[in-house]
Amino acid sequence: MSSSKRRKRIGILTAGGDCPGLNAAIRGVGKTAIVAHGMEVIGFRAGYLGLINNDYLELKESQLSGILTLGGTILGTSREKPFKLVGNGGETKEKPEHIIRNYEELGLDALVCIGGNGTMKTANMLAQEGLNVVGIPKTIDNDVWGTDVTFGFDSAVQIATDAIDRLHTTANSHQRVMIIEVMGHTAGWLALYAGMAGGGDIILLPELPYNIRSVCKKIEKRYEENKPYSIVVVAEGIEHPKKGSAASYLAEAIQTYTGIETRETVLGYIQRGGSPTPMDRILATRYGAFAAECIAENCFGVMVSVIDNDLKTVPLQEVGGKLRLVDPNHPLILEGRKMGTSFGDEY
């Protein structure tokens, strides 16, 4: 067989935090690559660590059946950053060199990197080193630049919304303020969507500076209007002056200023676990299949994305180091304000 007709061999890895839909994306890449294009597929264990340590397994079509609905990732993941400290007088380029050598010795034609912002940044660095790379964006935070939506987000919104729904009944029964803290260090997408879907009375986002007095005035006004409880949805990354969680700070401050009994709930890793929603299964499958098509067409150095529901590619060099943040004038915020939802910035 001539080299021009040699079967392509590709690698897949999942890096960064886990989230629902990773297995659906692995399946989308692998099945499309194997069935439609006759490629060989291997999966690297534990993200970039597997690529550094040459720790991998062959992925056959049969191994990709039955994983669509599974949470987590069959390949495992890690937060390994192989280029960390390179060029900063610390670590040498030993890890990137291991990656390049293993990529070449395994005879890979391309590498699919599934992950969030950090993963895409590393993927771009590997592309600059000469590797054929395609990125697939995932994160429950929905903050990857260059795409309208990441898989994992819809599942997290559903989990957080369900939690808010349940807190409504407890808050009403005890006439309390209930604070629910969701993930989102820098971007408030999850707090915004879950807060609006769950009927949050106050929603606090990292992108919108809030005033604790304004928050308390909103709560007091609700009580004056015979609304005996309030739901506050807060992203973990909002600024606050004390150690500990944002929710614990708010609970203490609200109870001190208003005298109203206040309780907090921090959802934590619950938001990242479990089976993906149907929407995330479809999105991850679309991303995975499109990534395989990009490889078949020798389109590399890109991240697959969805813009206005159309699949597109974005150069990896444009993605790394950027964040997709909530615009203070986002239509959902403007609509929320019209309905009386507070974002903590009213004076």
Protein backbone atom coordinates (compact mmCIF):
# COMPACT_ATOMS: atom_id res chain seq x y z
CA MET A 1 0.00 0.00 0.00
CA SER A 2 1.39 3.40 -0.93
CA SER A 3 1.99 5.96 1.78
CA SER A 4 -0.68 8.18 0.23
CA LYS A 5 -3.28 5.52 1.03
CA ARG A 6 -1.96 4.61 4.46
CA ARG A 7 -4.65 4.59 7.13
CA LYS A 8 -4.51 7.69 9.26
CA ARG A 9 -3.78 7.19 12.94
CA ILE A 10 -5.11 9.69 15.44
CA GLY A 11 -4.90 10.24 19.19
CA ILE A 12 -7.56 11.56 21.57
CA LEU A 13 -7.16 12.97 25.06
CA THR A 14 -9.41 14.64 27.63
CA ALA A 15 -7.79 17.23 29.88
CA GLY A 16 -8.75 19.60 32.69
CA GLY A 17 -11.81 19.16 34.88
CA ASP A 18 -14.29 16.42 34.08
CA CYS A 19 -17.78 17.27 32.89
CA PRO A 20 -20.80 15.53 31.37
CA GLY A 21 -20.40 14.83 27.65
CA LEU A 22 -16.71 13.90 27.48
CA ASN A 23 -17.47 10.30 26.58
CA ALA A 24 -20.00 11.43 23.99
CA ALA A 25 -17.26 13.55 22.38
CA ILE A 26 -14.75 10.68 22.45
CA ARG A 27 -17.38 8.48 20.83
CA GLY A 28 -18.19 11.13 18.20
CA VAL A 29 -14.54 11.47 17.20
CA GLY A 30 -13.72 7.77 17.32
CA LYS A 31 -16.76 6.33 15.58
CA THR A 32 -16.65 8.89 12.78
CA ALA A 33 -12.90 8.39 12.31
CA ILE A 34 -13.19 4.59 12.26
CA VAL A 35 -16.49 4.03 10.43
CA ALA A 36 -16.49 6.89 7.93
CA HIS A 37 -12.76 7.24 7.28
CA GLY A 38 -11.11 3.95 8.24
CA MET A 39 -8.72 5.59 10.70
CA GLU A 40 -6.94 3.98 13.63
CA VAL A 41 -7.68 5.60 16.98
CA ILE A 42 -5.80 5.57 20.27
CA GLY A 43 -6.75 7.23 23.51
CA PHE A 44 -4.25 8.78 25.90
CA ARG A 45 -4.91 8.26 29.60
CA ALA A 46 -5.04 11.16 32.07
CA GLY A 47 -4.90 14.04 29.62
CA TYR A 48 -1.51 15.41 28.61
CA LEU A 49 0.13 13.12 31.18
CA GLY A 50 -0.70 10.16 28.98
CA LEU A 51 0.93 11.89 26.03
CA ILE A 52 4.03 12.66 28.09
CA ASN A 53 4.31 9.13 29.53
CA ASN A 54 3.20 7.31 26.36
CA ASP A 55 0.30 5.81 28.32
CA TYR A 56 -2.45 4.93 25.87
CA LEU A 57 -4.91 2.30 24.70
CA GLU A 58 -6.17 1.32 21.28
CA LEU A 59 -9.78 2.35 20.78
CA LYS A 60 -11.88 0.01 18.67
CA GLU A 61 -15.43 0.75 17.57
CA SER A 62 -16.79 -1.81 20.05
CA GLN A 63 -15.13 0.04 22.94
CA LEU A 64 -16.92 3.22 21.92
CA SER A 65 -20.37 1.64 22.10
CA GLY A 66 -22.36 2.20 25.26
CA ILE A 67 -20.44 5.26 26.49
CA LEU A 68 -22.71 7.98 25.08
CA THR A 69 -24.70 8.34 28.30
CA LEU A 70 -21.82 7.91 30.75
CA GLY A 71 -20.54 10.80 32.84
CA GLY A 72 -16.83 11.35 33.38
CA THR A 73 -14.32 10.13 30.81
CA ILE A 74 -13.19 6.60 29.96
CA LEU A 75 -9.72 8.01 29.28
CA GLY A 76 -9.37 9.79 32.60
CA THR A 77 -8.12 13.34 32.91
CA SER A 78 -5.60 15.56 34.69
CA ARG A 79 -4.64 19.21 34.90
CA GLU A 80 -1.10 18.61 33.64
CA LYS A 81 0.30 21.66 31.82
CA PRO A 82 3.37 20.44 29.92
CA PHE A 83 4.52 23.94 28.95
CA LYS A 84 4.20 25.40 32.44
CA LEU A 85 7.35 27.32 33.46
CA VAL A 86 8.95 26.76 30.04
CA GLY A 87 10.91 29.88 29.18
CA ASN A 88 10.48 31.34 32.65
CA GLY A 89 13.78 30.18 34.03
CA GLY A 90 12.22 27.07 35.58
CA GLU A 91 11.36 23.84 33.87
CA THR A 92 13.08 22.82 30.65
CA LYS A 93 11.23 21.72 27.53
CA GLU A 94 11.57 18.10 28.61
CA LYS A 95 7.82 17.40 28.76
CA PRO A 96 6.99 18.96 25.36
CA GLU A 97 9.91 17.02 23.88
CA HIS A 98 8.49 13.77 25.29
CA ILE A 99 5.15 14.62 23.73
CA ILE A 100 6.64 15.32 20.30
CA ARG A 101 8.75 12.14 20.39
CA ASN A 102 5.81 9.94 21.44
CA TYR A 103 3.57 11.53 18.82
CA GLU A 104 6.12 10.76 16.11
CA GLU A 105 7.03 7.25 17.32
CA LEU A 106 3.36 6.29 17.49
CA GLY A 107 2.96 7.43 13.90
CA LEU A 108 0.15 9.84 14.70
CA ASP A 109 -1.31 11.96 11.94
CA ALA A 110 -3.33 14.13 14.31
CA LEU A 111 -4.21 14.72 17.94
CA VAL A 112 -7.65 15.66 19.26
CA CYS A 113 -7.51 17.63 22.52
CA ILE A 114 -10.82 17.86 24.40
CA GLY A 115 -10.89 20.42 27.18
CA GLY A 116 -11.37 23.98 28.33
CA ASN A 117 -9.28 27.15 28.16
CA GLY A 118 -6.07 25.66 29.55
CA THR A 119 -6.35 22.64 27.28
CA MET A 120 -6.81 24.84 24.22
CA LYS A 121 -3.81 26.95 25.21
CA THR A 122 -1.62 23.85 25.42
CA ALA A 123 -3.11 22.51 22.19
CA ASN A 124 -2.06 25.71 20.42
CA MET A 125 1.47 25.41 21.80
CA LEU A 126 1.68 21.84 20.48
CA ALA A 127 0.41 23.04 17.11
CA GLN A 128 3.20 25.64 17.08
CA GLU A 129 5.66 22.80 17.72
CA GLY A 130 4.50 21.17 14.48
CA LEU A 131 1.86 18.70 15.67
CA ASN A 132 -1.43 18.37 13.80
CA VAL A 133 -3.96 19.35 16.46
CA VAL A 134 -7.73 19.79 16.59
CA GLY A 135 -9.37 21.12 19.76
CA ILE A 136 -12.85 20.42 21.10
CA PRO A 137 -14.18 22.90 23.71
CA LYS A 138 -15.79 21.63 26.91
CA THR A 139 -16.50 23.22 30.28
CA ILE A 140 -19.52 23.70 32.50
CA ASP A 141 -18.48 27.37 32.82
CA ASN A 142 -19.22 28.01 29.10
CA ASP A 143 -16.31 30.46 29.00
CA VAL A 144 -14.21 29.15 26.10
CA TRP A 145 -13.65 31.96 23.62
CA GLY A 146 -14.60 31.36 19.98
CA THR A 147 -17.76 29.30 20.39
CA ASP A 148 -21.33 30.07 21.44
CA VAL A 149 -21.60 27.08 23.74
CA THR A 150 -19.50 24.30 25.27
CA PHE A 151 -20.80 20.87 26.13
CA GLY A 152 -21.14 20.29 29.85
CA PHE A 153 -22.86 23.64 30.32
CA ASP A 154 -26.41 22.47 29.68
CA SER A 155 -26.00 19.56 32.10
CA ALA A 156 -24.64 21.85 34.81
CA VAL A 157 -27.49 24.33 34.29
CA GLN A 158 -29.99 21.51 34.74
CA ILE A 159 -28.32 20.30 37.95
CA ALA A 160 -28.07 23.82 39.40
CA THR A 161 -31.64 24.68 38.41
CA ASP A 162 -32.96 21.53 40.05
CA ALA A 163 -31.14 22.51 43.25
CA ILE A 164 -32.63 26.01 43.15
CA ASP A 165 -36.10 24.54 42.60
CA ARG A 166 -35.70 22.43 45.74
CA LEU A 167 -34.45 25.37 47.81
CA HIS A 168 -37.56 27.39 46.97
CA THR A 169 -39.73 25.07 49.05
CA THR A 170 -37.41 25.14 52.07
CA ALA A 171 -36.98 28.91 51.86
CA ASN A 172 -40.74 29.41 51.69
CA SER A 173 -41.46 27.00 54.55
CA HIS A 174 -39.01 28.69 56.91
CA GLN A 175 -39.26 32.23 55.49
CA ARG A 176 -35.52 32.39 55.02
CA VAL A 177 -33.01 33.80 52.60
CA MET A 178 -31.40 30.89 50.77
CA ILE A 179 -28.08 31.39 49.01
CA ILE A 180 -26.91 28.90 46.43
CA GLU A 181 -23.34 29.09 45.14
CA VAL A 182 -22.57 27.64 41.71
CA MET A 183 -19.30 27.27 39.84
CA GLY A 184 -17.78 30.08 37.79
CA HIS A 185 -14.50 31.67 38.89
CA THR A 186 -14.39 34.36 36.22
CA ALA A 187 -17.47 33.85 34.06
CA GLY A 188 -21.02 33.93 35.39
CA TRP A 189 -22.83 31.99 32.65
CA LEU A 190 -23.90 29.17 34.94
CA ALA A 191 -25.17 31.50 37.66
CA LEU A 192 -27.02 33.61 35.07
CA TYR A 193 -28.76 30.76 33.28
CA ALA A 194 -29.53 28.65 36.34
CA GLY A 195 -30.54 31.74 38.29
CA MET A 196 -32.99 32.83 35.63
CA ALA A 197 -34.28 29.31 35.00
CA GLY A 198 -34.75 28.73 38.73
CA GLY A 199 -36.43 32.05 39.44
CA GLY A 200 -33.63 33.53 41.50
CA ASP A 201 -34.51 36.86 43.09
CA ILE A 202 -30.90 38.06 43.18
CA ILE A 203 -28.17 36.83 40.82
CA LEU A 204 -24.55 37.83 41.39
CA LEU A 205 -21.97 37.44 38.62
CA PRO A 206 -18.20 38.07 38.55
CA GLU A 207 -18.68 40.39 35.56
CA LEU A 208 -21.07 42.72 37.42
CA PRO A 209 -19.72 44.54 40.50
CA TYR A 210 -22.32 44.29 43.25
CA ASN A 211 -23.01 46.25 46.42
CA ILE A 212 -23.94 44.28 49.54
CA ARG A 213 -26.19 47.10 50.71
CA SER A 214 -28.09 46.88 47.44
CA VAL A 215 -28.51 43.13 47.93
CA CYS A 216 -29.86 43.64 51.45
CA LYS A 217 -32.22 46.42 50.36
CA LYS A 218 -33.68 44.11 47.72
CA ILE A 219 -34.30 41.42 50.34
CA GLU A 220 -35.84 43.88 52.80
CA LYS A 221 -38.09 45.27 50.08
CA ARG A 222 -39.35 41.78 49.27
CA TYR A 223 -40.29 41.25 52.90
CA GLU A 224 -42.08 44.61 52.98
CA GLU A 225 -44.07 43.42 49.95
CA ASN A 226 -45.10 40.26 51.83
CA LYS A 227 -42.68 38.07 49.91
CA PRO A 228 -41.36 36.12 52.90
CA TYR A 229 -38.33 34.48 51.34
CA SER A 230 -35.58 35.22 48.83
CA ILE A 231 -33.32 33.09 46.62
CA VAL A 232 -29.83 34.42 45.95
CA VAL A 233 -27.81 32.67 43.19
CA VAL A 234 -24.12 33.51 43.24
CA ALA A 235 -21.12 32.55 41.13
CA GLU A 236 -18.19 31.36 43.24
CA GLY A 237 -15.86 33.95 41.70
CA ILE A 238 -17.54 37.16 42.86
CA GLU A 239 -15.28 39.45 44.85
CA HIS A 240 -15.75 39.53 48.59
CA PRO A 241 -13.59 40.70 51.51
CA LYS A 242 -13.39 37.53 53.60
CA LYS A 243 -11.84 34.07 53.39
CA GLY A 244 -14.11 31.17 52.62
CA SER A 245 -16.84 30.81 50.07
CA ALA A 246 -18.81 33.62 48.50
CA ALA A 247 -21.99 32.04 49.85
CA SER A 248 -20.78 32.04 53.46
CA TYR A 249 -19.75 35.70 53.21
CA LEU A 250 -23.13 36.68 51.79
CA ALA A 251 -25.05 34.68 54.38
CA GLU A 252 -23.21 36.34 57.24
CA ALA A 253 -23.53 39.82 55.73
CA ILE A 254 -27.24 39.51 54.90
CA GLN A 255 -28.15 38.15 58.30
CA THR A 256 -26.11 40.88 60.02
CA TYR A 257 -27.59 43.75 58.01
CA THR A 258 -31.20 42.55 57.76
CA GLY A 259 -31.67 40.29 60.77
CA ILE A 260 -33.36 37.76 58.47
CA GLU A 261 -32.39 34.11 58.91
CA THR A 262 -30.08 33.15 56.07
CA ARG A 263 -28.64 29.79 54.96
CA GLU A 264 -26.14 28.90 52.25
CA THR A 265 -25.67 25.90 49.96
CA VAL A 266 -22.50 25.33 47.93
CA LEU A 267 -23.15 22.88 45.08
CA GLY A 268 -19.49 22.19 44.32
CA TYR A 269 -18.54 19.14 42.28
CA ILE A 270 -22.12 17.90 42.04
CA GLN A 271 -22.42 20.23 39.05
CA ARG A 272 -19.72 18.37 37.12
CA GLY A 273 -20.88 14.80 37.64
CA GLY A 274 -23.43 12.41 36.26
CA SER A 275 -24.93 11.64 32.89
CA PRO A 276 -25.06 14.42 30.26
CA THR A 277 -28.36 15.93 29.20
CA PRO A 278 -29.68 15.06 25.73
CA MET A 279 -28.58 18.49 24.50
CA ASP A 280 -25.02 17.93 25.72
CA ARG A 281 -24.94 14.45 24.17
CA ILE A 282 -25.94 15.93 20.82
CA LEU A 283 -23.53 18.87 21.07
CA ALA A 284 -20.58 16.68 22.08
CA THR A 285 -21.40 14.23 19.28
CA ARG A 286 -21.55 17.05 16.74
CA TYR A 287 -18.24 18.44 17.95
CA GLY A 288 -16.57 15.03 17.90
CA ALA A 289 -17.80 14.07 14.46
CA PHE A 290 -16.79 17.46 13.04
CA ALA A 291 -13.31 17.15 14.56
CA ALA A 292 -12.88 13.82 12.76
CA GLU A 293 -14.01 15.45 9.50
CA CYS A 294 -11.45 18.21 10.00
CA ILE A 295 -8.71 15.59 10.33
CA ALA A 296 -9.94 13.79 7.19
CA GLU A 297 -9.68 17.10 5.33
CA ASN A 298 -6.24 17.91 6.84
CA CYS A 299 -7.58 20.96 8.65
CA PHE A 300 -5.35 21.40 11.69
CA GLY A 301 -4.40 24.02 14.25
CA VAL A 302 -8.07 24.75 14.88
CA MET A 303 -10.75 24.40 17.52
CA VAL A 304 -14.18 23.27 16.40
CA SER A 305 -16.94 25.64 17.44
CA VAL A 306 -20.64 26.36 17.12
CA ILE A 307 -21.61 29.83 15.94
CA ASP A 308 -25.34 30.50 15.43
CA ASN A 309 -25.82 26.71 15.54
CA ASP A 310 -23.43 26.17 12.61
CA LEU A 311 -20.26 24.13 13.01
CA LYS A 312 -17.15 26.16 12.25
CA THR A 313 -13.43 26.18 12.98
CA VAL A 314 -11.49 28.83 14.87
CA PRO A 315 -7.66 29.07 14.80
CA LEU A 316 -6.25 27.77 18.08
CA GLN A 317 -3.90 30.74 18.26
CA GLU A 318 -6.96 33.00 18.58
CA VAL A 319 -8.47 30.96 21.43
CA GLY A 320 -5.66 30.55 23.94
CA GLY A 321 -5.55 33.03 26.80
CA LYS A 322 -9.00 34.48 26.11
CA LEU A 323 -12.24 34.06 28.03
CA ARG A 324 -15.84 34.36 26.90
CA LEU A 325 -17.46 36.46 29.61
CA VAL A 326 -21.02 37.57 30.22
CA ASP A 327 -21.73 40.96 28.66
CA PRO A 328 -23.33 43.27 31.25
CA ASN A 329 -25.91 44.06 28.56
CA HIS A 330 -26.65 40.43 27.77
CA PRO A 331 -30.33 40.08 26.71
CA LEU A 332 -31.03 37.70 29.60
CA ILE A 333 -29.75 40.27 32.11
CA LEU A 334 -31.78 43.05 30.53
CA GLU A 335 -34.90 40.87 30.53
CA GLY A 336 -34.28 39.88 34.13
CA ARG A 337 -34.06 43.50 35.21
CA LYS A 338 -37.40 44.22 33.54
CA MET A 339 -38.97 41.44 35.62
CA GLY A 340 -37.52 42.69 38.89
CA THR A 341 -34.53 40.38 39.20
CA SER A 342 -31.69 42.09 41.02
CA PHE A 343 -28.06 41.75 39.97
CA GLY A 344 -26.79 43.49 43.08
CA ASP A 345 -25.69 46.64 41.29
CA GLU A 346 -28.76 48.82 41.85
CA TYR A 347 -28.30 51.89 44.05
